[in-house]
């Protein structure tokens, strides 16, 4: 789990950004798709919230 968290937090290796207006939800870019993930640092847990095409992922 530590290795995964380190990879996710190392912005030089992958395209990951904090979602605007959120404090613990990140956007991970994978080609034309986006993955929204919630990071629980204290529990060392990552929850995949949503996966989809870039244009649709931010719609609620």
C-alpha atoms as a PDB file:
ATOM      1  CA  UNK A   1       0.000   0.000   0.000  1.00  0.00           C
ATOM      2  CA  UNK A   2       2.865   2.406   0.768  1.00  0.00           C
ATOM      3  CA  UNK A   3       4.271   1.911  -2.728  1.00  0.00           C
ATOM      4  CA  UNK A   4       0.907   2.710  -4.319  1.00  0.00           C
ATOM      5  CA  UNK A   5       0.441   5.830  -2.182  1.00  0.00           C
ATOM      6  CA  UNK A   6       3.972   7.004  -2.982  1.00  0.00           C
ATOM      7  CA  UNK A   7       3.330   6.512  -6.705  1.00  0.00           C
ATOM      8  CA  UNK A   8       0.063   8.442  -6.513  1.00  0.00           C
ATOM      9  CA  UNK A   9       1.666  11.303  -4.586  1.00  0.00           C
ATOM     10  CA  UNK A  10       4.720  11.538  -6.881  1.00  0.00           C
ATOM     11  CA  UNK A  11       3.392  14.027  -9.423  1.00  0.00           C
ATOM     12  CA  UNK A  12       6.497  13.743 -11.585  1.00  0.00           C
ATOM     13  CA  UNK A  13       5.696  10.158 -12.607  1.00  0.00           C
ATOM     14  CA  UNK A  14       1.956  10.343 -13.276  1.00  0.00           C
ATOM     15  CA  UNK A  15      -0.605  13.012 -14.113  1.00  0.00           C
ATOM     16  CA  UNK A  16      -2.577  13.403 -10.900  1.00  0.00           C
ATOM     17  CA  UNK A  17      -4.178  16.547  -9.524  1.00  0.00           C
ATOM     18  CA  UNK A  18      -6.423  17.493  -6.665  1.00  0.00           C
ATOM     19  CA  UNK A  19      -9.981  18.092  -7.913  1.00  0.00           C
ATOM     20  CA  UNK A  20     -10.874  21.767  -7.546  1.00  0.00           C
ATOM     21  CA  UNK A  21     -13.140  22.346  -4.556  1.00  0.00           C
ATOM     22  CA  UNK A  22     -12.300  18.970  -2.978  1.00  0.00           C
ATOM     23  CA  UNK A  23      -9.816  18.256  -0.200  1.00  0.00           C
ATOM     24  CA  UNK A  24      -9.180  14.541  -0.675  1.00  0.00           C
ATOM     25  CA  UNK A  25     -10.403  13.603  -4.172  1.00  0.00           C
ATOM     26  CA  UNK A  26      -7.829  13.416  -6.933  1.00  0.00           C
ATOM     27  CA  UNK A  27      -8.073  13.148 -10.710  1.00  0.00           C
ATOM     28  CA  UNK A  28      -5.785  10.649 -12.394  1.00  0.00           C
ATOM     29  CA  UNK A  29      -5.396  10.952 -16.167  1.00  0.00           C
ATOM     30  CA  UNK A  30      -5.116   7.714 -18.135  1.00  0.00           C
ATOM     31  CA  UNK A  31      -5.165   8.530 -21.855  1.00  0.00           C
ATOM     32  CA  UNK A  32      -8.641   9.773 -22.824  1.00  0.00           C
ATOM     33  CA  UNK A  33     -10.070   8.565 -19.528  1.00  0.00           C
ATOM     34  CA  UNK A  34     -10.083  10.022 -16.045  1.00  0.00           C
ATOM     35  CA  UNK A  35     -10.219   8.243 -12.724  1.00  0.00           C
ATOM     36  CA  UNK A  36     -11.447  10.020  -9.615  1.00  0.00           C
ATOM     37  CA  UNK A  37      -9.965   8.580  -6.451  1.00  0.00           C
ATOM     38  CA  UNK A  38     -10.428   9.395  -2.791  1.00  0.00           C
ATOM     39  CA  UNK A  39      -7.325   9.006  -0.640  1.00  0.00           C
ATOM     40  CA  UNK A  40      -7.620   8.046   3.019  1.00  0.00           C
ATOM     41  CA  UNK A  41      -4.037   8.615   4.155  1.00  0.00           C
ATOM     42  CA  UNK A  42      -4.644   7.633   7.779  1.00  0.00           C
ATOM     43  CA  UNK A  43      -6.112   4.268   6.700  1.00  0.00           C
ATOM     44  CA  UNK A  44      -3.674   3.876   3.793  1.00  0.00           C
ATOM     45  CA  UNK A  45      -6.667   3.283   1.533  1.00  0.00           C
ATOM     46  CA  UNK A  46      -7.567   4.468  -1.942  1.00  0.00           C
ATOM     47  CA  UNK A  47     -11.186   4.365  -3.109  1.00  0.00           C
ATOM     48  CA  UNK A  48     -11.928   4.561  -6.831  1.00  0.00           C
ATOM     49  CA  UNK A  49     -14.895   6.928  -7.009  1.00  0.00           C
ATOM     50  CA  UNK A  50     -15.492   7.029 -10.763  1.00  0.00           C
ATOM     51  CA  UNK A  51     -13.854   6.076 -14.069  1.00  0.00           C
ATOM     52  CA  UNK A  52     -14.952   7.462 -17.418  1.00  0.00           C
ATOM     53  CA  UNK A  53     -14.244   9.601 -20.478  1.00  0.00           C
ATOM     54  CA  UNK A  54     -12.805  13.030 -19.761  1.00  0.00           C
ATOM     55  CA  UNK A  55     -15.950  14.900 -20.809  1.00  0.00           C
ATOM     56  CA  UNK A  56     -18.274  12.894 -18.575  1.00  0.00           C
ATOM     57  CA  UNK A  57     -16.260  12.242 -15.433  1.00  0.00           C
ATOM     58  CA  UNK A  58     -16.969  15.546 -13.683  1.00  0.00           C
ATOM     59  CA  UNK A  59     -20.747  15.506 -14.222  1.00  0.00           C
ATOM     60  CA  UNK A  60     -22.640  14.740 -11.027  1.00  0.00           C
END
